[in-house]
ModelCIF file with pLDDT and N, C-alpha, C, O atoms, coordinates in Angstrom:
data_MODEL
#
_entry.id   MODEL 
#
_entity.id                         1 
_entity.type                       polymer 
_entity.pdbx_number_of_molecules   1 
#
_entity_poly.entity_id                      1 
_entity_poly.type                           'polypeptide(L)' 
_entity_poly.nstd_linkage                   no 
_entity_poly.nstd_monomer                   no 
_entity_poly.pdbx_seq_one_letter_code       
;(UNK)(UNK)(UNK)(UNK)(UNK)(UNK)(UNK)(UNK)(UNK)(UNK)(UNK)(UNK)(UNK)(UNK)(UNK)(UNK)
(UNK)(UNK)(UNK)(UNK)(UNK)(UNK)(UNK)(UNK)(UNK)(UNK)(UNK)(UNK)(UNK)(UNK)(UNK)(UNK)
(UNK)(UNK)(UNK)(UNK)(UNK)(UNK)(UNK)(UNK)(UNK)(UNK)(UNK)(UNK)(UNK)(UNK)
;
_entity_poly.pdbx_seq_one_letter_code_can   XXXXXXXXXXXXXXXXXXXXXXXXXXXXXXXXXXXXXXXXXXXXXX 
_entity_poly.pdbx_strand_id                 A 
#
loop_
_entity_poly_seq.entity_id 
_entity_poly_seq.num 
_entity_poly_seq.mon_id 
_entity_poly_seq.hetero 
1 1  UNK n 
1 2  UNK n 
1 3  UNK n 
1 4  UNK n 
1 5  UNK n 
1 6  UNK n 
1 7  UNK n 
1 8  UNK n 
1 9  UNK n 
1 10 UNK n 
1 11 UNK n 
1 12 UNK n 
1 13 UNK n 
1 14 UNK n 
1 15 UNK n 
1 16 UNK n 
1 17 UNK n 
1 18 UNK n 
1 19 UNK n 
1 20 UNK n 
1 21 UNK n 
1 22 UNK n 
1 23 UNK n 
1 24 UNK n 
1 25 UNK n 
1 26 UNK n 
1 27 UNK n 
1 28 UNK n 
1 29 UNK n 
1 30 UNK n 
1 31 UNK n 
1 32 UNK n 
1 33 UNK n 
1 34 UNK n 
1 35 UNK n 
1 36 UNK n 
1 37 UNK n 
1 38 UNK n 
1 39 UNK n 
1 40 UNK n 
1 41 UNK n 
1 42 UNK n 
1 43 UNK n 
1 44 UNK n 
1 45 UNK n 
1 46 UNK n 
#
_struct_asym.id          A 
_struct_asym.entity_id   1 
#
loop_
_ma_qa_metric.id 
_ma_qa_metric.mode 
_ma_qa_metric.name 
_ma_qa_metric.software_group_id 
_ma_qa_metric.type 
1 global pLDDT . pLDDT 
2 local  pLDDT . pLDDT 
#
_ma_qa_metric_global.metric_id      1 
_ma_qa_metric_global.metric_value   79.89 
_ma_qa_metric_global.model_id       1 
_ma_qa_metric_global.ordinal_id     1 
#
loop_
_ma_qa_metric_local.label_asym_id 
_ma_qa_metric_local.label_comp_id 
_ma_qa_metric_local.label_seq_id 
_ma_qa_metric_local.metric_id 
_ma_qa_metric_local.metric_value 
_ma_qa_metric_local.model_id 
_ma_qa_metric_local.ordinal_id 
A UNK 1  2 92.00 1 1  
A UNK 2  2 91.00 1 2  
A UNK 3  2 87.00 1 3  
A UNK 4  2 88.00 1 4  
A UNK 5  2 89.00 1 5  
A UNK 6  2 86.00 1 6  
A UNK 7  2 84.00 1 7  
A UNK 8  2 78.00 1 8  
A UNK 9  2 76.00 1 9  
A UNK 10 2 74.00 1 10 
A UNK 11 2 69.00 1 11 
A UNK 12 2 68.00 1 12 
A UNK 13 2 68.00 1 13 
A UNK 14 2 63.00 1 14 
A UNK 15 2 59.00 1 15 
A UNK 16 2 59.00 1 16 
A UNK 17 2 62.00 1 17 
A UNK 18 2 62.00 1 18 
A UNK 19 2 60.00 1 19 
A UNK 20 2 62.00 1 20 
A UNK 21 2 62.00 1 21 
A UNK 22 2 63.00 1 22 
A UNK 23 2 68.00 1 23 
A UNK 24 2 71.00 1 24 
A UNK 25 2 77.00 1 25 
A UNK 26 2 79.00 1 26 
A UNK 27 2 80.00 1 27 
A UNK 28 2 83.00 1 28 
A UNK 29 2 87.00 1 29 
A UNK 30 2 89.00 1 30 
A UNK 31 2 90.00 1 31 
A UNK 32 2 94.00 1 32 
A UNK 33 2 93.00 1 33 
A UNK 34 2 95.00 1 34 
A UNK 35 2 93.00 1 35 
A UNK 36 2 89.00 1 36 
A UNK 37 2 91.00 1 37 
A UNK 38 2 93.00 1 38 
A UNK 39 2 90.00 1 39 
A UNK 40 2 85.00 1 40 
A UNK 41 2 90.00 1 41 
A UNK 42 2 92.00 1 42 
A UNK 43 2 87.00 1 43 
A UNK 44 2 83.00 1 44 
A UNK 45 2 85.00 1 45 
A UNK 46 2 89.00 1 46 
#
loop_
_atom_site.group_PDB 
_atom_site.id 
_atom_site.type_symbol 
_atom_site.label_atom_id 
_atom_site.label_alt_id 
_atom_site.label_comp_id 
_atom_site.label_asym_id 
_atom_site.label_entity_id 
_atom_site.label_seq_id 
_atom_site.pdbx_PDB_ins_code 
_atom_site.Cartn_x 
_atom_site.Cartn_y 
_atom_site.Cartn_z 
_atom_site.occupancy 
_atom_site.B_iso_or_equiv 
_atom_site.pdbx_formal_charge 
_atom_site.auth_seq_id 
_atom_site.auth_comp_id 
_atom_site.auth_asym_id 
_atom_site.auth_atom_id 
_atom_site.pdbx_PDB_model_num 
ATOM 1   N N  . UNK A 1 1  ? -6.682  8.406   -76.336 1.00 92.00 ? 1  UNK A N  1 
ATOM 2   C CA . UNK A 1 1  ? -5.471  9.191   -76.570 1.00 92.00 ? 1  UNK A CA 1 
ATOM 3   C C  . UNK A 1 1  ? -4.313  8.303   -77.025 1.00 92.00 ? 1  UNK A C  1 
ATOM 4   O O  . UNK A 1 1  ? -3.491  8.717   -77.842 1.00 92.00 ? 1  UNK A O  1 
ATOM 5   N N  . UNK A 1 2  ? -4.254  7.091   -76.497 1.00 91.00 ? 2  UNK A N  1 
ATOM 6   C CA . UNK A 1 2  ? -3.180  6.187   -76.920 1.00 91.00 ? 2  UNK A CA 1 
ATOM 7   C C  . UNK A 1 2  ? -3.313  5.854   -78.399 1.00 91.00 ? 2  UNK A C  1 
ATOM 8   O O  . UNK A 1 2  ? -2.316  5.843   -79.121 1.00 91.00 ? 2  UNK A O  1 
ATOM 9   N N  . UNK A 1 3  ? -4.520  5.585   -78.857 1.00 87.00 ? 3  UNK A N  1 
ATOM 10  C CA . UNK A 1 3  ? -4.719  5.293   -80.272 1.00 87.00 ? 3  UNK A CA 1 
ATOM 11  C C  . UNK A 1 3  ? -4.390  6.509   -81.133 1.00 87.00 ? 3  UNK A C  1 
ATOM 12  O O  . UNK A 1 3  ? -3.937  6.363   -82.268 1.00 87.00 ? 3  UNK A O  1 
ATOM 13  N N  . UNK A 1 4  ? -4.617  7.708   -80.598 1.00 88.00 ? 4  UNK A N  1 
ATOM 14  C CA . UNK A 1 4  ? -4.199  8.928   -81.301 1.00 88.00 ? 4  UNK A CA 1 
ATOM 15  C C  . UNK A 1 4  ? -2.678  8.978   -81.428 1.00 88.00 ? 4  UNK A C  1 
ATOM 16  O O  . UNK A 1 4  ? -2.148  9.296   -82.492 1.00 88.00 ? 4  UNK A O  1 
ATOM 17  N N  . UNK A 1 5  ? -1.981  8.662   -80.335 1.00 89.00 ? 5  UNK A N  1 
ATOM 18  C CA . UNK A 1 5  ? -0.518  8.667   -80.356 1.00 89.00 ? 5  UNK A CA 1 
ATOM 19  C C  . UNK A 1 5  ? 0.024   7.675   -81.378 1.00 89.00 ? 5  UNK A C  1 
ATOM 20  O O  . UNK A 1 5  ? 0.996   7.952   -82.081 1.00 89.00 ? 5  UNK A O  1 
ATOM 21  N N  . UNK A 1 6  ? -0.622  6.517   -81.445 1.00 86.00 ? 6  UNK A N  1 
ATOM 22  C CA . UNK A 1 6  ? -0.187  5.484   -82.388 1.00 86.00 ? 6  UNK A CA 1 
ATOM 23  C C  . UNK A 1 6  ? -0.509  5.883   -83.818 1.00 86.00 ? 6  UNK A C  1 
ATOM 24  O O  . UNK A 1 6  ? 0.158   5.438   -84.752 1.00 86.00 ? 6  UNK A O  1 
ATOM 25  N N  . UNK A 1 7  ? -1.524  6.716   -83.995 1.00 84.00 ? 7  UNK A N  1 
ATOM 26  C CA . UNK A 1 7  ? -1.989  7.042   -85.338 1.00 84.00 ? 7  UNK A CA 1 
ATOM 27  C C  . UNK A 1 7  ? -2.821  5.930   -85.926 1.00 84.00 ? 7  UNK A C  1 
ATOM 28  O O  . UNK A 1 7  ? -2.829  5.718   -87.138 1.00 84.00 ? 7  UNK A O  1 
ATOM 29  N N  . UNK A 1 8  ? -3.523  5.219   -85.061 1.00 78.00 ? 8  UNK A N  1 
ATOM 30  C CA . UNK A 1 8  ? -4.340  4.099   -85.520 1.00 78.00 ? 8  UNK A CA 1 
ATOM 31  C C  . UNK A 1 8  ? -5.437  4.630   -86.436 1.00 78.00 ? 8  UNK A C  1 
ATOM 32  O O  . UNK A 1 8  ? -6.098  5.609   -86.087 1.00 78.00 ? 8  UNK A O  1 
ATOM 33  N N  . UNK A 1 9  ? -5.648  4.019   -87.587 1.00 76.00 ? 9  UNK A N  1 
ATOM 34  C CA . UNK A 1 9  ? -6.621  4.547   -88.554 1.00 76.00 ? 9  UNK A CA 1 
ATOM 35  C C  . UNK A 1 9  ? -8.000  4.746   -87.941 1.00 76.00 ? 9  UNK A C  1 
ATOM 36  O O  . UNK A 1 9  ? -8.512  3.882   -87.227 1.00 76.00 ? 9  UNK A O  1 
ATOM 37  N N  . UNK A 1 10 ? -8.587  5.894   -88.231 1.00 74.00 ? 10 UNK A N  1 
ATOM 38  C CA . UNK A 1 10 ? -9.862  6.232   -87.618 1.00 74.00 ? 10 UNK A CA 1 
ATOM 39  C C  . UNK A 1 10 ? -10.943 5.218   -87.965 1.00 74.00 ? 10 UNK A C  1 
ATOM 40  O O  . UNK A 1 10 ? -11.748 4.850   -87.110 1.00 74.00 ? 10 UNK A O  1 
ATOM 41  N N  . UNK A 1 11 ? -10.963 4.763   -89.225 1.00 69.00 ? 11 UNK A N  1 
ATOM 42  C CA . UNK A 1 11 ? -11.984 3.801   -89.640 1.00 69.00 ? 11 UNK A CA 1 
ATOM 43  C C  . UNK A 1 11 ? -11.865 2.514   -88.842 1.00 69.00 ? 11 UNK A C  1 
ATOM 44  O O  . UNK A 1 11 ? -12.864 2.000   -88.340 1.00 69.00 ? 11 UNK A O  1 
ATOM 45  N N  . UNK A 1 12 ? -10.658 1.992   -88.719 1.00 68.00 ? 12 UNK A N  1 
ATOM 46  C CA . UNK A 1 12 ? -10.457 0.751   -87.987 1.00 68.00 ? 12 UNK A CA 1 
ATOM 47  C C  . UNK A 1 12 ? -10.690 0.957   -86.495 1.00 68.00 ? 12 UNK A C  1 
ATOM 48  O O  . UNK A 1 12 ? -11.159 0.055   -85.802 1.00 68.00 ? 12 UNK A O  1 
ATOM 49  N N  . UNK A 1 13 ? -10.357 2.154   -86.003 1.00 68.00 ? 13 UNK A N  1 
ATOM 50  C CA . UNK A 1 13 ? -10.583 2.439   -84.587 1.00 68.00 ? 13 UNK A CA 1 
ATOM 51  C C  . UNK A 1 13 ? -12.067 2.352   -84.247 1.00 68.00 ? 13 UNK A C  1 
ATOM 52  O O  . UNK A 1 13 ? -12.448 1.730   -83.256 1.00 68.00 ? 13 UNK A O  1 
ATOM 53  N N  . UNK A 1 14 ? -12.881 2.963   -85.055 1.00 63.00 ? 14 UNK A N  1 
ATOM 54  C CA . UNK A 1 14 ? -14.318 2.931   -84.794 1.00 63.00 ? 14 UNK A CA 1 
ATOM 55  C C  . UNK A 1 14 ? -14.872 1.522   -84.880 1.00 63.00 ? 14 UNK A C  1 
ATOM 56  O O  . UNK A 1 14 ? -15.713 1.127   -84.072 1.00 63.00 ? 14 UNK A O  1 
ATOM 57  N N  . UNK A 1 15 ? -14.399 0.763   -85.862 1.00 59.00 ? 15 UNK A N  1 
ATOM 58  C CA . UNK A 1 15 ? -15.015 -0.536  -86.092 1.00 59.00 ? 15 UNK A CA 1 
ATOM 59  C C  . UNK A 1 15 ? -14.464 -1.618  -85.183 1.00 59.00 ? 15 UNK A C  1 
ATOM 60  O O  . UNK A 1 15 ? -15.225 -2.443  -84.677 1.00 59.00 ? 15 UNK A O  1 
ATOM 61  N N  . UNK A 1 16 ? -13.163 -1.631  -84.967 1.00 59.00 ? 16 UNK A N  1 
ATOM 62  C CA . UNK A 1 16 ? -12.567 -2.712  -84.193 1.00 59.00 ? 16 UNK A CA 1 
ATOM 63  C C  . UNK A 1 16 ? -12.332 -2.330  -82.739 1.00 59.00 ? 16 UNK A C  1 
ATOM 64  O O  . UNK A 1 16 ? -12.868 -2.971  -81.835 1.00 59.00 ? 16 UNK A O  1 
ATOM 65  N N  . UNK A 1 17 ? -11.522 -1.275  -82.504 1.00 62.00 ? 17 UNK A N  1 
ATOM 66  C CA . UNK A 1 17 ? -11.139 -0.989  -81.127 1.00 62.00 ? 17 UNK A CA 1 
ATOM 67  C C  . UNK A 1 17 ? -12.303 -0.509  -80.284 1.00 62.00 ? 17 UNK A C  1 
ATOM 68  O O  . UNK A 1 17 ? -12.388 -0.859  -79.106 1.00 62.00 ? 17 UNK A O  1 
ATOM 69  N N  . UNK A 1 18 ? -13.207 0.283   -80.851 1.00 62.00 ? 18 UNK A N  1 
ATOM 70  C CA . UNK A 1 18 ? -14.330 0.745   -80.039 1.00 62.00 ? 18 UNK A CA 1 
ATOM 71  C C  . UNK A 1 18 ? -15.224 -0.411  -79.632 1.00 62.00 ? 18 UNK A C  1 
ATOM 72  O O  . UNK A 1 18 ? -15.749 -0.428  -78.519 1.00 62.00 ? 18 UNK A O  1 
ATOM 73  N N  . UNK A 1 19 ? -15.401 -1.375  -80.520 1.00 60.00 ? 19 UNK A N  1 
ATOM 74  C CA . UNK A 1 19 ? -16.216 -2.541  -80.169 1.00 60.00 ? 19 UNK A CA 1 
ATOM 75  C C  . UNK A 1 19 ? -15.630 -3.237  -78.953 1.00 60.00 ? 19 UNK A C  1 
ATOM 76  O O  . UNK A 1 19 ? -16.364 -3.644  -78.052 1.00 60.00 ? 19 UNK A O  1 
ATOM 77  N N  . UNK A 1 20 ? -14.298 -3.376  -78.923 1.00 62.00 ? 20 UNK A N  1 
ATOM 78  C CA . UNK A 1 20 ? -13.661 -4.051  -77.796 1.00 62.00 ? 20 UNK A CA 1 
ATOM 79  C C  . UNK A 1 20 ? -13.656 -3.180  -76.548 1.00 62.00 ? 20 UNK A C  1 
ATOM 80  O O  . UNK A 1 20 ? -14.004 -3.649  -75.464 1.00 62.00 ? 20 UNK A O  1 
ATOM 81  N N  . UNK A 1 21 ? -13.261 -1.909  -76.688 1.00 62.00 ? 21 UNK A N  1 
ATOM 82  C CA . UNK A 1 21 ? -13.142 -1.067  -75.501 1.00 62.00 ? 21 UNK A CA 1 
ATOM 83  C C  . UNK A 1 21 ? -14.497 -0.877  -74.838 1.00 62.00 ? 21 UNK A C  1 
ATOM 84  O O  . UNK A 1 21 ? -14.583 -0.798  -73.613 1.00 62.00 ? 21 UNK A O  1 
ATOM 85  N N  . UNK A 1 22 ? -15.554 -0.804  -75.636 1.00 63.00 ? 22 UNK A N  1 
ATOM 86  C CA . UNK A 1 22 ? -16.866 -0.607  -75.051 1.00 63.00 ? 22 UNK A CA 1 
ATOM 87  C C  . UNK A 1 22 ? -17.385 -1.876  -74.379 1.00 63.00 ? 22 UNK A C  1 
ATOM 88  O O  . UNK A 1 22 ? -18.379 -1.830  -73.655 1.00 63.00 ? 22 UNK A O  1 
ATOM 89  N N  . UNK A 1 23 ? -16.716 -3.016  -74.614 1.00 68.00 ? 23 UNK A N  1 
ATOM 90  C CA . UNK A 1 23 ? -17.096 -4.211  -73.869 1.00 68.00 ? 23 UNK A CA 1 
ATOM 91  C C  . UNK A 1 23 ? -16.758 -4.059  -72.389 1.00 68.00 ? 23 UNK A C  1 
ATOM 92  O O  . UNK A 1 23 ? -17.227 -4.838  -71.559 1.00 68.00 ? 23 UNK A O  1 
ATOM 93  N N  . UNK A 1 24 ? -15.943 -3.055  -72.057 1.00 71.00 ? 24 UNK A N  1 
ATOM 94  C CA . UNK A 1 24 ? -15.698 -2.702  -70.662 1.00 71.00 ? 24 UNK A CA 1 
ATOM 95  C C  . UNK A 1 24 ? -16.755 -1.719  -70.156 1.00 71.00 ? 24 UNK A C  1 
ATOM 96  O O  . UNK A 1 24 ? -16.623 -1.180  -69.057 1.00 71.00 ? 24 UNK A O  1 
ATOM 97  N N  . UNK A 1 25 ? -17.798 -1.483  -70.949 1.00 77.00 ? 25 UNK A N  1 
ATOM 98  C CA . UNK A 1 25 ? -18.909 -0.607  -70.572 1.00 77.00 ? 25 UNK A CA 1 
ATOM 99  C C  . UNK A 1 25 ? -18.426 0.813   -70.308 1.00 77.00 ? 25 UNK A C  1 
ATOM 100 O O  . UNK A 1 25 ? -18.959 1.515   -69.448 1.00 77.00 ? 25 UNK A O  1 
ATOM 101 N N  . UNK A 1 26 ? -17.409 1.224   -71.062 1.00 79.00 ? 26 UNK A N  1 
ATOM 102 C CA . UNK A 1 26 ? -16.825 2.545   -70.828 1.00 79.00 ? 26 UNK A CA 1 
ATOM 103 C C  . UNK A 1 26 ? -16.555 3.241   -72.147 1.00 79.00 ? 26 UNK A C  1 
ATOM 104 O O  . UNK A 1 26 ? -16.317 2.595   -73.168 1.00 79.00 ? 26 UNK A O  1 
ATOM 105 N N  . UNK A 1 27 ? -16.594 4.559   -72.117 1.00 80.00 ? 27 UNK A N  1 
ATOM 106 C CA . UNK A 1 27 ? -16.195 5.361   -73.258 1.00 80.00 ? 27 UNK A CA 1 
ATOM 107 C C  . UNK A 1 27 ? -14.669 5.262   -73.392 1.00 80.00 ? 27 UNK A C  1 
ATOM 108 O O  . UNK A 1 27 ? -13.966 5.368   -72.388 1.00 80.00 ? 27 UNK A O  1 
ATOM 109 N N  . UNK A 1 28 ? -14.137 5.060   -74.614 1.00 83.00 ? 28 UNK A N  1 
ATOM 110 C CA . UNK A 1 28 ? -12.684 4.963   -74.783 1.00 83.00 ? 28 UNK A CA 1 
ATOM 111 C C  . UNK A 1 28 ? -11.922 6.179   -74.248 1.00 83.00 ? 28 UNK A C  1 
ATOM 112 O O  . UNK A 1 28 ? -10.741 6.066   -73.921 1.00 83.00 ? 28 UNK A O  1 
ATOM 113 N N  . UNK A 1 29 ? -12.578 7.338   -74.156 1.00 87.00 ? 29 UNK A N  1 
ATOM 114 C CA . UNK A 1 29 ? -11.908 8.526   -73.624 1.00 87.00 ? 29 UNK A CA 1 
ATOM 115 C C  . UNK A 1 29 ? -11.723 8.457   -72.113 1.00 87.00 ? 29 UNK A C  1 
ATOM 116 O O  . UNK A 1 29 ? -10.926 9.204   -71.546 1.00 87.00 ? 29 UNK A O  1 
ATOM 117 N N  . UNK A 1 30 ? -12.455 7.563   -71.466 1.00 89.00 ? 30 UNK A N  1 
ATOM 118 C CA . UNK A 1 30 ? -12.360 7.408   -70.010 1.00 89.00 ? 30 UNK A CA 1 
ATOM 119 C C  . UNK A 1 30 ? -11.605 6.147   -69.606 1.00 89.00 ? 30 UNK A C  1 
ATOM 120 O O  . UNK A 1 30 ? -11.142 6.049   -68.469 1.00 89.00 ? 30 UNK A O  1 
ATOM 121 N N  . UNK A 1 31 ? -11.470 5.186   -70.507 1.00 90.00 ? 31 UNK A N  1 
ATOM 122 C CA . UNK A 1 31 ? -10.869 3.887   -70.196 1.00 90.00 ? 31 UNK A CA 1 
ATOM 123 C C  . UNK A 1 31 ? -9.353  3.973   -70.200 1.00 90.00 ? 31 UNK A C  1 
ATOM 124 O O  . UNK A 1 31 ? -8.766  4.602   -71.081 1.00 90.00 ? 31 UNK A O  1 
ATOM 125 N N  . UNK A 1 32 ? -8.720  3.350   -69.225 1.00 94.00 ? 32 UNK A N  1 
ATOM 126 C CA . UNK A 1 32 ? -7.264  3.294   -69.162 1.00 94.00 ? 32 UNK A CA 1 
ATOM 127 C C  . UNK A 1 32 ? -6.703  2.584   -70.397 1.00 94.00 ? 32 UNK A C  1 
ATOM 128 O O  . UNK A 1 32 ? -7.191  1.525   -70.791 1.00 94.00 ? 32 UNK A O  1 
ATOM 129 N N  . UNK A 1 33 ? -5.678  3.178   -70.997 1.00 93.00 ? 33 UNK A N  1 
ATOM 130 C CA . UNK A 1 33 ? -5.030  2.548   -72.143 1.00 93.00 ? 33 UNK A CA 1 
ATOM 131 C C  . UNK A 1 33 ? -4.369  1.237   -71.751 1.00 93.00 ? 33 UNK A C  1 
ATOM 132 O O  . UNK A 1 33 ? -4.222  0.348   -72.590 1.00 93.00 ? 33 UNK A O  1 
ATOM 133 N N  . UNK A 1 34 ? -3.967  1.100   -70.490 1.00 95.00 ? 34 UNK A N  1 
ATOM 134 C CA . UNK A 1 34 ? -3.370  -0.156  -70.040 1.00 95.00 ? 34 UNK A CA 1 
ATOM 135 C C  . UNK A 1 34 ? -4.372  -1.291  -70.130 1.00 95.00 ? 34 UNK A C  1 
ATOM 136 O O  . UNK A 1 34 ? -4.021  -2.404  -70.521 1.00 95.00 ? 34 UNK A O  1 
ATOM 137 N N  . UNK A 1 35 ? -5.621  -1.015  -69.769 1.00 93.00 ? 35 UNK A N  1 
ATOM 138 C CA . UNK A 1 35 ? -6.646  -2.047  -69.839 1.00 93.00 ? 35 UNK A CA 1 
ATOM 139 C C  . UNK A 1 35 ? -6.915  -2.422  -71.295 1.00 93.00 ? 35 UNK A C  1 
ATOM 140 O O  . UNK A 1 35 ? -7.125  -3.594  -71.608 1.00 93.00 ? 35 UNK A O  1 
ATOM 141 N N  . UNK A 1 36 ? -6.908  -1.427  -72.184 1.00 89.00 ? 36 UNK A N  1 
ATOM 142 C CA . UNK A 1 36 ? -7.107  -1.718  -73.598 1.00 89.00 ? 36 UNK A CA 1 
ATOM 143 C C  . UNK A 1 36 ? -5.936  -2.520  -74.165 1.00 89.00 ? 36 UNK A C  1 
ATOM 144 O O  . UNK A 1 36 ? -6.145  -3.448  -74.946 1.00 89.00 ? 36 UNK A O  1 
ATOM 145 N N  . UNK A 1 37 ? -4.705  -2.170  -73.778 1.00 91.00 ? 37 UNK A N  1 
ATOM 146 C CA . UNK A 1 37 ? -3.542  -2.906  -74.260 1.00 91.00 ? 37 UNK A CA 1 
ATOM 147 C C  . UNK A 1 37 ? -3.567  -4.352  -73.768 1.00 91.00 ? 37 UNK A C  1 
ATOM 148 O O  . UNK A 1 37 ? -3.210  -5.274  -74.503 1.00 91.00 ? 37 UNK A O  1 
ATOM 149 N N  . UNK A 1 38 ? -3.989  -4.539  -72.523 1.00 93.00 ? 38 UNK A N  1 
ATOM 150 C CA . UNK A 1 38 ? -4.101  -5.896  -71.992 1.00 93.00 ? 38 UNK A CA 1 
ATOM 151 C C  . UNK A 1 38 ? -5.137  -6.686  -72.785 1.00 93.00 ? 38 UNK A C  1 
ATOM 152 O O  . UNK A 1 38 ? -4.921  -7.856  -73.100 1.00 93.00 ? 38 UNK A O  1 
ATOM 153 N N  . UNK A 1 39 ? -6.252  -6.053  -73.106 1.00 90.00 ? 39 UNK A N  1 
ATOM 154 C CA . UNK A 1 39 ? -7.270  -6.695  -73.925 1.00 90.00 ? 39 UNK A CA 1 
ATOM 155 C C  . UNK A 1 39 ? -6.693  -7.095  -75.282 1.00 90.00 ? 39 UNK A C  1 
ATOM 156 O O  . UNK A 1 39 ? -6.943  -8.198  -75.767 1.00 90.00 ? 39 UNK A O  1 
ATOM 157 N N  . UNK A 1 40 ? -5.921  -6.195  -75.894 1.00 85.00 ? 40 UNK A N  1 
ATOM 158 C CA . UNK A 1 40 ? -5.311  -6.470  -77.186 1.00 85.00 ? 40 UNK A CA 1 
ATOM 159 C C  . UNK A 1 40 ? -4.395  -7.689  -77.089 1.00 85.00 ? 40 UNK A C  1 
ATOM 160 O O  . UNK A 1 40 ? -4.350  -8.509  -78.006 1.00 85.00 ? 40 UNK A O  1 
ATOM 161 N N  . UNK A 1 41 ? -3.674  -7.808  -75.993 1.00 90.00 ? 41 UNK A N  1 
ATOM 162 C CA . UNK A 1 41 ? -2.777  -8.944  -75.780 1.00 90.00 ? 41 UNK A CA 1 
ATOM 163 C C  . UNK A 1 41 ? -3.569  -10.243 -75.590 1.00 90.00 ? 41 UNK A C  1 
ATOM 164 O O  . UNK A 1 41 ? -3.254  -11.261 -76.207 1.00 90.00 ? 41 UNK A O  1 
ATOM 165 N N  . UNK A 1 42 ? -4.587  -10.206 -74.745 1.00 92.00 ? 42 UNK A N  1 
ATOM 166 C CA . UNK A 1 42 ? -5.347  -11.417 -74.420 1.00 92.00 ? 42 UNK A CA 1 
ATOM 167 C C  . UNK A 1 42 ? -6.033  -11.997 -75.651 1.00 92.00 ? 42 UNK A C  1 
ATOM 168 O O  . UNK A 1 42 ? -6.006  -13.207 -75.876 1.00 92.00 ? 42 UNK A O  1 
ATOM 169 N N  . UNK A 1 43 ? -6.647  -11.125 -76.445 1.00 87.00 ? 43 UNK A N  1 
ATOM 170 C CA . UNK A 1 43 ? -7.489  -11.615 -77.520 1.00 87.00 ? 43 UNK A CA 1 
ATOM 171 C C  . UNK A 1 43 ? -6.812  -11.647 -78.885 1.00 87.00 ? 43 UNK A C  1 
ATOM 172 O O  . UNK A 1 43 ? -7.312  -12.289 -79.809 1.00 87.00 ? 43 UNK A O  1 
ATOM 173 N N  . UNK A 1 44 ? -5.678  -10.959 -79.018 1.00 83.00 ? 44 UNK A N  1 
ATOM 174 C CA . UNK A 1 44 ? -5.156  -10.790 -80.372 1.00 83.00 ? 44 UNK A CA 1 
ATOM 175 C C  . UNK A 1 44 ? -3.680  -11.143 -80.502 1.00 83.00 ? 44 UNK A C  1 
ATOM 176 O O  . UNK A 1 44 ? -3.344  -12.151 -81.123 1.00 83.00 ? 44 UNK A O  1 
ATOM 177 N N  . UNK A 1 45 ? -2.787  -10.330 -79.926 1.00 85.00 ? 45 UNK A N  1 
ATOM 178 C CA . UNK A 1 45 ? -1.356  -10.540 -80.153 1.00 85.00 ? 45 UNK A CA 1 
ATOM 179 C C  . UNK A 1 45 ? -0.701  -11.505 -79.174 1.00 85.00 ? 45 UNK A C  1 
ATOM 180 O O  . UNK A 1 45 ? 0.401   -11.989 -79.433 1.00 85.00 ? 45 UNK A O  1 
ATOM 181 N N  . UNK A 1 46 ? -1.360  -11.793 -78.056 1.00 89.00 ? 46 UNK A N  1 
ATOM 182 C CA . UNK A 1 46 ? -0.716  -12.639 -77.057 1.00 89.00 ? 46 UNK A CA 1 
ATOM 183 C C  . UNK A 1 46 ? -1.181  -14.073 -77.047 1.00 89.00 ? 46 UNK A C  1 
ATOM 184 O O  . UNK A 1 46 ? -0.701  -14.872 -76.243 1.00 89.00 ? 46 UNK A O  1 
#
């Protein structure tokens, strides 16, 4: 839902963000957006 709010491109979402979010062994619809944002910080922007 957070990626929907951001309007993150669907193509990039499937290829990049799903690969990362599923590394938590969870469906992105069930995973906390806070955990995904923290992942984005650790591996990418931070």
